[in-house]
Amino acid sequence: MKLTRRNLLKLPAAAGLAALPLRPAPPLIDEYDPGNLKIAHRVNVRSVTDDDLLFLRQIGMRWIHAEFGGQDTPYEVIRAAQERLARFHIKIYTGVHDSYRSLRLQLGQPGRDQDIETFQRFLRDCGRLGIPVAKIDWHPANTYTTAMVDSPRGYQARQFTLADFRSKVEKQRFEREYPAEEIWASYTYFLKAVLPVAEKANVKLALHPDDPPVSKMNGVAKLFTHYDGYRRADEIAGSSRHWGLTFCIGTWSEGGEQMGKNVFEMIRDFGGRGKIFTVHFRNVSSTMPSFVETFPDDGYMDMYQVMKALRQVRFSGSAVPDHVPGLAGDQGLRRAGTAYCVAYMRALLRRANEEVG
């Protein structure tokens, strides 16, 4: 090489690069590997378009949480959805059927056995089709949001402020109030009826916490706003390997110190016993009494440490980018926001897999 002034200036940089140790590229994340965490997304399979599914395939999505709504959903409908997704190389990890959200079921009213039968049939059908998880929650009078706001970065997000809820939103929704023990009784009745069916079908029931973690809303007590609620539910389920958590990082972060155990303690406790089945991977700006839902890199929780903690307990279920905020031009599936979340989560997962081993 002719030694010119330009080439002379390049020599120190080139020598420095040559001195760097060579490292092999990290292995690709095989989300079909039973031992690896699976990044998924929540999809209403009745309304999602083929173009949306192509988009999900293009960003590397291999799993979804399939939401079927509350309509009649016979086996053939679930199978058809599964076959349609397969054309885009996507599988269903979690099935969601809203029959469990029936008010007569969650409030312990006459007619609930019909709703239980519907949900039992859904569990059996999921089992026949190899869908491993069914998600449930238990808050019949919930208010999730008090306002939509612009975050400091300018994206649209959901806000909850307890003072606004109490003064502007809250009202008694039913003919009377429902204390905690009544709601516990209705939840226990439901679980005792469906857990044996889930066990026989080999489908895991994944219980979501109450979002936001407020002990009573609109005249109805809520149960899963604290570690003690999950501990009691765990005792009701007994030694069953088919009951566990949809662990929502956002909800637990909303509660902060009031939750009895923090996010990492919950992961070590329930995750360490194989009792976390799915994760909602969401961040928030702050703890109660007021918070804004954020992108995973824009809240107060260190989401890399969350991902690392999940891998440390060998969590191999699914994680979804819950409540994706809206970016400019987003609508429907919120493609830009979804791609942002999924890419960020995949980067965190790759780093956690490298570090944890």
Protein backbone atom coordinates (compact mmCIF):
# COMPACT_ATOMS: atom_id res chain seq x y z
CA MET A 1 0.00 0.00 0.00
CA LYS A 2 1.39 3.38 -0.95
CA LEU A 3 2.08 5.28 2.27
CA THR A 4 0.09 8.48 1.84
CA ARG A 5 -1.11 10.79 4.59
CA ARG A 6 -4.65 9.34 4.24
CA ASN A 7 -3.43 5.75 4.52
CA LEU A 8 -1.20 6.68 7.45
CA LEU A 9 -4.23 7.99 9.37
CA LYS A 10 -6.05 4.70 8.76
CA LEU A 11 -3.30 2.56 10.29
CA PRO A 12 -4.10 3.04 14.03
CA ALA A 13 -7.79 2.30 13.52
CA ALA A 14 -7.06 -0.78 11.45
CA ALA A 15 -4.55 -2.03 14.01
CA GLY A 16 -7.10 -1.54 16.77
CA LEU A 17 -9.73 -3.51 14.91
CA ALA A 18 -7.31 -6.31 14.23
CA ALA A 19 -6.54 -6.57 17.94
CA LEU A 20 -10.18 -7.12 18.88
CA PRO A 21 -11.00 -10.75 19.77
CA LEU A 22 -13.17 -12.55 17.26
CA ARG A 23 -16.53 -13.72 18.67
CA PRO A 24 -18.91 -16.03 16.88
CA ALA A 25 -22.32 -14.60 16.06
CA PRO A 26 -24.93 -15.47 18.71
CA PRO A 27 -27.13 -18.41 17.73
CA LEU A 28 -30.48 -17.69 16.18
CA ILE A 29 -33.41 -17.88 18.57
CA ASP A 30 -35.34 -21.05 17.82
CA GLU A 31 -38.77 -20.27 19.24
CA TYR A 32 -40.03 -23.72 18.25
CA ASP A 33 -37.49 -25.17 20.70
CA PRO A 34 -39.55 -26.38 23.71
CA GLY A 35 -36.89 -25.01 26.07
CA ASN A 36 -36.83 -21.47 24.75
CA LEU A 37 -39.05 -18.49 25.50
CA LYS A 38 -41.54 -17.83 22.72
CA ILE A 39 -42.35 -14.30 21.58
CA ALA A 40 -46.01 -14.11 20.61
CA HIS A 41 -48.74 -11.56 19.91
CA ARG A 42 -52.41 -11.20 20.79
CA VAL A 43 -54.58 -11.65 17.69
CA ASN A 44 -58.35 -11.67 17.22
CA VAL A 45 -58.48 -14.59 14.81
CA ARG A 46 -62.00 -13.74 13.66
CA SER A 47 -61.05 -10.30 12.32
CA VAL A 48 -57.32 -10.52 11.48
CA THR A 49 -56.61 -10.17 7.76
CA ASP A 50 -54.24 -12.26 5.65
CA ASP A 51 -52.20 -9.09 5.14
CA ASP A 52 -51.86 -8.75 8.93
CA LEU A 53 -50.74 -12.36 9.19
CA LEU A 54 -48.19 -11.84 6.43
CA PHE A 55 -46.87 -8.84 8.36
CA LEU A 56 -46.53 -10.95 11.51
CA ARG A 57 -44.65 -13.62 9.57
CA GLN A 58 -42.36 -10.96 8.10
CA ILE A 59 -41.32 -9.72 11.55
CA GLY A 60 -40.57 -13.27 12.64
CA MET A 61 -43.72 -14.07 14.61
CA ARG A 62 -44.18 -17.79 15.10
CA TRP A 63 -46.77 -17.89 17.89
CA ILE A 64 -49.97 -16.04 18.80
CA HIS A 65 -52.48 -15.77 21.59
CA ALA A 66 -55.66 -16.53 19.64
CA GLU A 67 -58.66 -14.52 20.85
CA PHE A 68 -62.00 -16.02 19.79
CA GLY A 69 -64.33 -13.57 21.58
CA GLY A 70 -67.48 -14.81 23.29
CA GLN A 71 -69.32 -16.22 20.30
CA ASP A 72 -70.08 -19.88 19.78
CA THR A 73 -66.77 -21.44 18.84
CA PRO A 74 -67.09 -25.10 17.84
CA TYR A 75 -64.10 -27.31 17.24
CA GLU A 76 -64.26 -26.73 13.49
CA VAL A 77 -63.83 -22.95 13.95
CA ILE A 78 -60.72 -23.38 16.10
CA ARG A 79 -59.25 -25.94 13.70
CA ALA A 80 -59.93 -23.68 10.71
CA ALA A 81 -58.16 -20.79 12.48
CA GLN A 82 -55.23 -23.06 13.27
CA GLU A 83 -54.98 -24.24 9.66
CA ARG A 84 -55.17 -20.69 8.34
CA LEU A 85 -52.37 -19.57 10.68
CA ALA A 86 -50.26 -22.55 9.63
CA ARG A 87 -50.19 -21.19 6.08
CA PHE A 88 -48.22 -18.27 7.54
CA HIS A 89 -46.01 -20.58 9.65
CA ILE A 90 -47.70 -19.39 12.86
CA LYS A 91 -48.96 -21.57 15.71
CA ILE A 92 -51.43 -20.89 18.55
CA TYR A 93 -49.77 -20.94 21.96
CA THR A 94 -52.66 -19.59 24.06
CA GLY A 95 -56.37 -19.78 23.37
CA VAL A 96 -58.77 -17.19 24.78
CA HIS A 97 -62.53 -17.71 24.85
CA ASP A 98 -64.58 -15.10 26.72
CA SER A 99 -67.19 -17.54 28.06
CA TYR A 100 -65.28 -17.42 31.35
CA ARG A 101 -66.02 -13.67 31.52
CA SER A 102 -69.79 -14.21 31.73
CA LEU A 103 -71.24 -12.00 34.48
CA ARG A 104 -73.50 -14.75 35.73
CA LEU A 105 -70.43 -16.95 36.06
CA GLN A 106 -68.13 -14.41 37.70
CA LEU A 107 -70.85 -13.09 40.01
CA GLY A 108 -72.13 -16.56 40.92
CA GLN A 109 -75.60 -16.18 39.40
CA PRO A 110 -78.06 -18.77 38.03
CA GLY A 111 -77.17 -20.04 34.58
CA ARG A 112 -73.43 -20.11 35.20
CA ASP A 113 -73.22 -23.86 34.61
CA GLN A 114 -74.07 -23.27 30.95
CA ASP A 115 -71.10 -20.90 30.63
CA ILE A 116 -68.87 -23.42 32.41
CA GLU A 117 -69.91 -26.10 29.92
CA THR A 118 -69.00 -23.76 27.04
CA PHE A 119 -65.56 -23.15 28.52
CA GLN A 120 -65.05 -26.85 29.25
CA ARG A 121 -65.80 -27.64 25.62
CA PHE A 122 -63.27 -24.99 24.55
CA LEU A 123 -60.61 -26.60 26.77
CA ARG A 124 -61.29 -30.04 25.31
CA ASP A 125 -61.05 -28.67 21.78
CA CYS A 126 -57.77 -26.88 22.57
CA GLY A 127 -56.44 -30.16 23.90
CA ARG A 128 -57.47 -32.04 20.76
CA LEU A 129 -55.65 -29.45 18.64
CA GLY A 130 -52.49 -29.29 20.76
CA ILE A 131 -53.02 -25.71 22.03
CA PRO A 132 -51.16 -25.78 25.36
CA VAL A 133 -52.57 -22.81 27.33
CA ALA A 134 -55.92 -21.08 27.96
CA LYS A 135 -55.90 -17.64 29.56
CA ILE A 136 -58.43 -16.51 32.21
CA ASP A 137 -59.02 -13.45 34.39
CA TRP A 138 -61.60 -12.63 37.06
CA HIS A 139 -62.70 -8.98 37.38
CA PRO A 140 -66.36 -8.57 36.33
CA ALA A 141 -66.62 -4.82 37.06
CA ASN A 142 -63.22 -3.62 35.95
CA THR A 143 -62.17 -0.21 34.61
CA TYR A 144 -58.81 -0.39 32.83
CA THR A 145 -58.30 3.19 31.72
CA THR A 146 -59.32 6.71 32.71
CA ALA A 147 -57.83 8.56 29.71
CA MET A 148 -55.82 8.25 26.52
CA VAL A 149 -52.81 10.58 26.62
CA ASP A 150 -49.76 11.55 24.60
CA SER A 151 -46.59 10.24 26.22
CA PRO A 152 -43.54 12.53 26.48
CA ARG A 153 -42.26 10.84 23.30
CA GLY A 154 -45.53 11.66 21.56
CA TYR A 155 -47.17 8.25 21.17
CA GLN A 156 -50.73 7.54 22.31
CA ALA A 157 -51.03 5.44 25.46
CA ARG A 158 -53.52 4.45 28.14
CA GLN A 159 -53.50 6.22 31.48
CA PHE A 160 -55.08 5.28 34.78
CA THR A 161 -55.40 7.80 37.61
CA LEU A 162 -57.08 6.59 40.78
CA ALA A 163 -58.40 10.02 41.75
CA ASP A 164 -60.05 10.45 38.33
CA PHE A 165 -61.53 6.97 38.54
CA ARG A 166 -63.05 7.61 41.97
CA SER A 167 -64.40 11.07 41.12
CA LYS A 168 -65.36 10.82 37.45
CA VAL A 169 -65.77 7.19 36.40
CA GLU A 170 -66.72 4.89 39.26
CA LYS A 171 -70.32 3.86 39.73
CA GLN A 172 -72.07 0.82 41.14
CA ARG A 173 -72.66 -1.31 38.08
CA PHE A 174 -74.96 -3.92 39.53
CA GLU A 175 -78.00 -4.01 41.80
CA ARG A 176 -75.77 -4.39 44.87
CA GLU A 177 -72.15 -4.64 45.94
CA TYR A 178 -70.24 -7.91 45.80
CA PRO A 179 -67.76 -8.51 48.68
CA ALA A 180 -64.53 -10.42 48.24
CA GLU A 181 -65.75 -13.71 49.73
CA GLU A 182 -68.60 -13.91 47.22
CA ILE A 183 -66.20 -13.40 44.34
CA TRP A 184 -63.85 -15.99 45.85
CA ALA A 185 -66.77 -18.41 46.03
CA SER A 186 -67.65 -17.90 42.35
CA TYR A 187 -64.01 -18.23 41.28
CA THR A 188 -63.57 -21.41 43.32
CA TYR A 189 -66.77 -22.92 41.89
CA PHE A 190 -65.50 -22.21 38.38
CA LEU A 191 -62.01 -23.56 38.98
CA LYS A 192 -63.20 -26.78 40.61
CA ALA A 193 -65.39 -27.39 37.55
CA VAL A 194 -62.85 -26.61 34.82
CA LEU A 195 -59.46 -27.62 36.26
CA PRO A 196 -60.11 -31.38 36.02
CA VAL A 197 -61.16 -30.88 32.39
CA ALA A 198 -58.01 -28.87 31.70
CA GLU A 199 -55.88 -31.59 33.28
CA LYS A 200 -57.48 -34.32 31.19
CA ALA A 201 -57.11 -32.22 28.02
CA ASN A 202 -53.52 -31.29 28.98
CA VAL A 203 -54.28 -27.56 28.70
CA LYS A 204 -52.84 -25.14 31.26
CA LEU A 205 -55.05 -22.44 32.83
CA ALA A 206 -53.18 -19.13 33.07
CA LEU A 207 -54.71 -16.59 35.49
CA HIS A 208 -54.12 -12.88 34.81
CA PRO A 209 -53.86 -10.44 37.74
CA ASP A 210 -56.33 -7.58 38.20
CA ASP A 211 -55.35 -4.55 36.12
CA PRO A 212 -55.15 -2.02 37.68
CA PRO A 213 -54.47 -3.49 41.14
CA VAL A 214 -57.34 -1.80 43.00
CA SER A 215 -59.12 -3.93 45.61
CA LYS A 216 -62.66 -2.83 44.69
CA MET A 217 -64.01 -1.21 41.54
CA ASN A 218 -67.57 -0.20 40.68
CA GLY A 219 -68.99 -2.03 43.69
CA VAL A 220 -67.25 -5.39 43.10
CA ALA A 221 -64.26 -6.72 45.01
CA LYS A 222 -61.19 -7.84 43.06
CA LEU A 223 -59.06 -10.78 44.14
CA PHE A 224 -55.76 -10.75 42.30
CA THR A 225 -54.34 -7.36 43.22
CA HIS A 226 -51.67 -8.68 45.59
CA TYR A 227 -49.42 -11.68 46.16
CA ASP A 228 -51.84 -13.00 48.79
CA GLY A 229 -54.57 -13.39 46.16
CA TYR A 230 -52.34 -15.48 43.92
CA ARG A 231 -51.16 -17.51 46.91
CA ARG A 232 -54.77 -18.32 47.85
CA ALA A 233 -55.60 -19.24 44.24
CA ASP A 234 -52.53 -21.48 44.19
CA GLU A 235 -53.81 -23.26 47.29
CA ILE A 236 -57.25 -23.75 45.71
CA ALA A 237 -55.62 -25.34 42.66
CA GLY A 238 -53.65 -27.67 44.92
CA SER A 239 -50.78 -29.56 43.36
CA SER A 240 -52.11 -29.28 39.82
CA ARG A 241 -49.46 -28.65 37.16
CA HIS A 242 -52.22 -27.21 34.97
CA TRP A 243 -52.92 -24.06 36.99
CA GLY A 244 -50.60 -21.08 36.89
CA LEU A 245 -50.14 -17.46 35.88
CA THR A 246 -50.48 -15.15 32.98
CA PHE A 247 -47.92 -12.92 34.65
CA CYS A 248 -48.52 -9.34 33.51
CA ILE A 249 -45.35 -7.35 34.14
CA GLY A 250 -47.23 -4.11 33.52
CA THR A 251 -49.95 -4.83 36.08
CA TRP A 252 -47.47 -5.94 38.73
CA SER A 253 -45.32 -2.86 38.05
CA GLU A 254 -48.37 -0.62 38.44
CA GLY A 255 -48.76 -1.82 42.03
CA GLY A 256 -45.14 -1.43 43.05
CA GLU A 257 -44.52 -2.02 46.74
CA GLN A 258 -48.22 -2.62 47.49
CA MET A 259 -48.13 -6.00 45.68
CA GLY A 260 -46.50 -7.95 48.52
CA LYS A 261 -43.77 -9.30 46.22
CA ASN A 262 -42.06 -7.40 43.43
CA VAL A 263 -41.80 -8.54 39.81
CA PHE A 264 -38.54 -10.40 40.35
CA GLU A 265 -39.69 -12.11 43.54
CA MET A 266 -42.82 -13.29 41.72
CA ILE A 267 -40.72 -14.68 38.87
CA ARG A 268 -38.46 -16.54 41.31
CA ASP A 269 -41.46 -17.84 43.30
CA PHE A 270 -44.02 -18.86 40.67
CA GLY A 271 -41.61 -19.10 37.75
CA GLY A 272 -39.18 -21.14 39.79
CA ARG A 273 -41.96 -23.69 40.39
CA GLY A 274 -43.02 -23.77 36.73
CA LYS A 275 -46.21 -21.85 37.52
CA ILE A 276 -45.82 -19.00 35.01
CA PHE A 277 -47.27 -20.09 31.67
CA THR A 278 -47.44 -16.82 29.72
CA VAL A 279 -46.11 -13.29 30.23
CA HIS A 280 -47.51 -9.91 29.22
CA PHE A 281 -44.32 -7.96 28.56
CA ARG A 282 -45.40 -4.38 29.26
CA ASN A 283 -43.88 -1.39 31.06
CA VAL A 284 -45.43 1.61 32.86
CA SER A 285 -44.29 5.11 33.69
CA SER A 286 -44.77 4.87 37.46
CA THR A 287 -46.63 3.09 40.22
CA MET A 288 -50.13 3.74 41.54
CA PRO A 289 -52.02 6.00 42.12
CA SER A 290 -51.34 7.17 38.55
CA PHE A 291 -49.47 5.60 35.63
CA VAL A 292 -49.24 5.62 31.85
CA GLU A 293 -48.64 2.43 29.88
CA THR A 294 -45.45 2.65 27.83
CA PHE A 295 -43.30 0.88 25.30
CA PRO A 296 -41.00 -1.61 27.03
CA ASP A 297 -37.96 0.69 26.80
CA ASP A 298 -39.79 3.79 28.04
CA GLY A 299 -41.04 2.98 31.57
CA TYR A 300 -39.49 2.68 35.00
CA MET A 301 -39.04 -1.11 34.99
CA ASP A 302 -35.76 -2.50 33.62
CA MET A 303 -37.21 -4.94 31.10
CA TYR A 304 -33.86 -6.51 30.31
CA GLN A 305 -33.58 -7.61 33.93
CA VAL A 306 -37.14 -8.99 33.64
CA MET A 307 -36.22 -11.01 30.54
CA LYS A 308 -33.04 -12.23 32.22
CA ALA A 309 -34.96 -13.27 35.36
CA LEU A 310 -37.43 -15.24 33.23
CA ARG A 311 -34.60 -17.14 31.55
CA GLN A 312 -32.87 -17.74 34.89
CA VAL A 313 -35.90 -19.76 36.03
CA ARG A 314 -35.96 -21.48 32.62
CA PHE A 315 -39.27 -19.93 31.63
CA SER A 316 -40.15 -21.42 28.23
CA GLY A 317 -43.69 -20.14 27.74
CA SER A 318 -44.82 -17.22 25.62
CA ALA A 319 -44.36 -13.48 26.09
CA VAL A 320 -46.54 -10.93 24.29
CA PRO A 321 -46.10 -7.15 23.81
CA ASP A 322 -49.23 -6.29 25.77
CA HIS A 323 -51.30 -3.12 25.07
CA VAL A 324 -49.07 -1.85 22.27
CA PRO A 325 -49.17 1.99 22.19
CA GLY A 326 -50.11 3.69 18.94
CA LEU A 327 -47.46 5.23 16.70
CA ALA A 328 -48.12 7.71 13.90
CA GLY A 329 -50.25 6.08 11.21
CA ASP A 330 -50.93 2.96 13.28
CA GLN A 331 -54.36 1.40 13.24
CA GLY A 332 -55.85 -2.07 13.50
CA LEU A 333 -52.97 -4.39 14.40
CA ARG A 334 -50.74 -1.36 15.17
CA ARG A 335 -48.02 -2.67 12.92
CA ALA A 336 -45.33 -0.08 13.62
CA GLY A 337 -45.75 -0.33 17.38
CA THR A 338 -45.93 -4.12 17.23
CA ALA A 339 -42.75 -4.37 15.15
CA TYR A 340 -40.99 -2.00 17.56
CA CYS A 341 -41.96 -4.10 20.59
CA VAL A 342 -41.20 -7.45 19.00
CA ALA A 343 -37.76 -6.36 17.75
CA TYR A 344 -36.91 -4.98 21.18
CA MET A 345 -38.09 -8.14 22.93
CA ARG A 346 -36.16 -10.37 20.54
CA ALA A 347 -32.98 -8.39 21.19
CA LEU A 348 -33.48 -8.69 24.97
CA LEU A 349 -34.14 -12.41 24.65
CA ARG A 350 -31.01 -13.03 22.61
CA ARG A 351 -28.88 -11.15 25.12
CA ALA A 352 -30.50 -12.94 28.08
CA ASN A 353 -29.96 -16.33 26.45
CA GLU A 354 -26.30 -15.48 25.92
CA GLU A 355 -25.81 -14.31 29.48
CA VAL A 356 -27.82 -16.98 31.29
CA GLY A 357 -26.78 -19.87 29.07
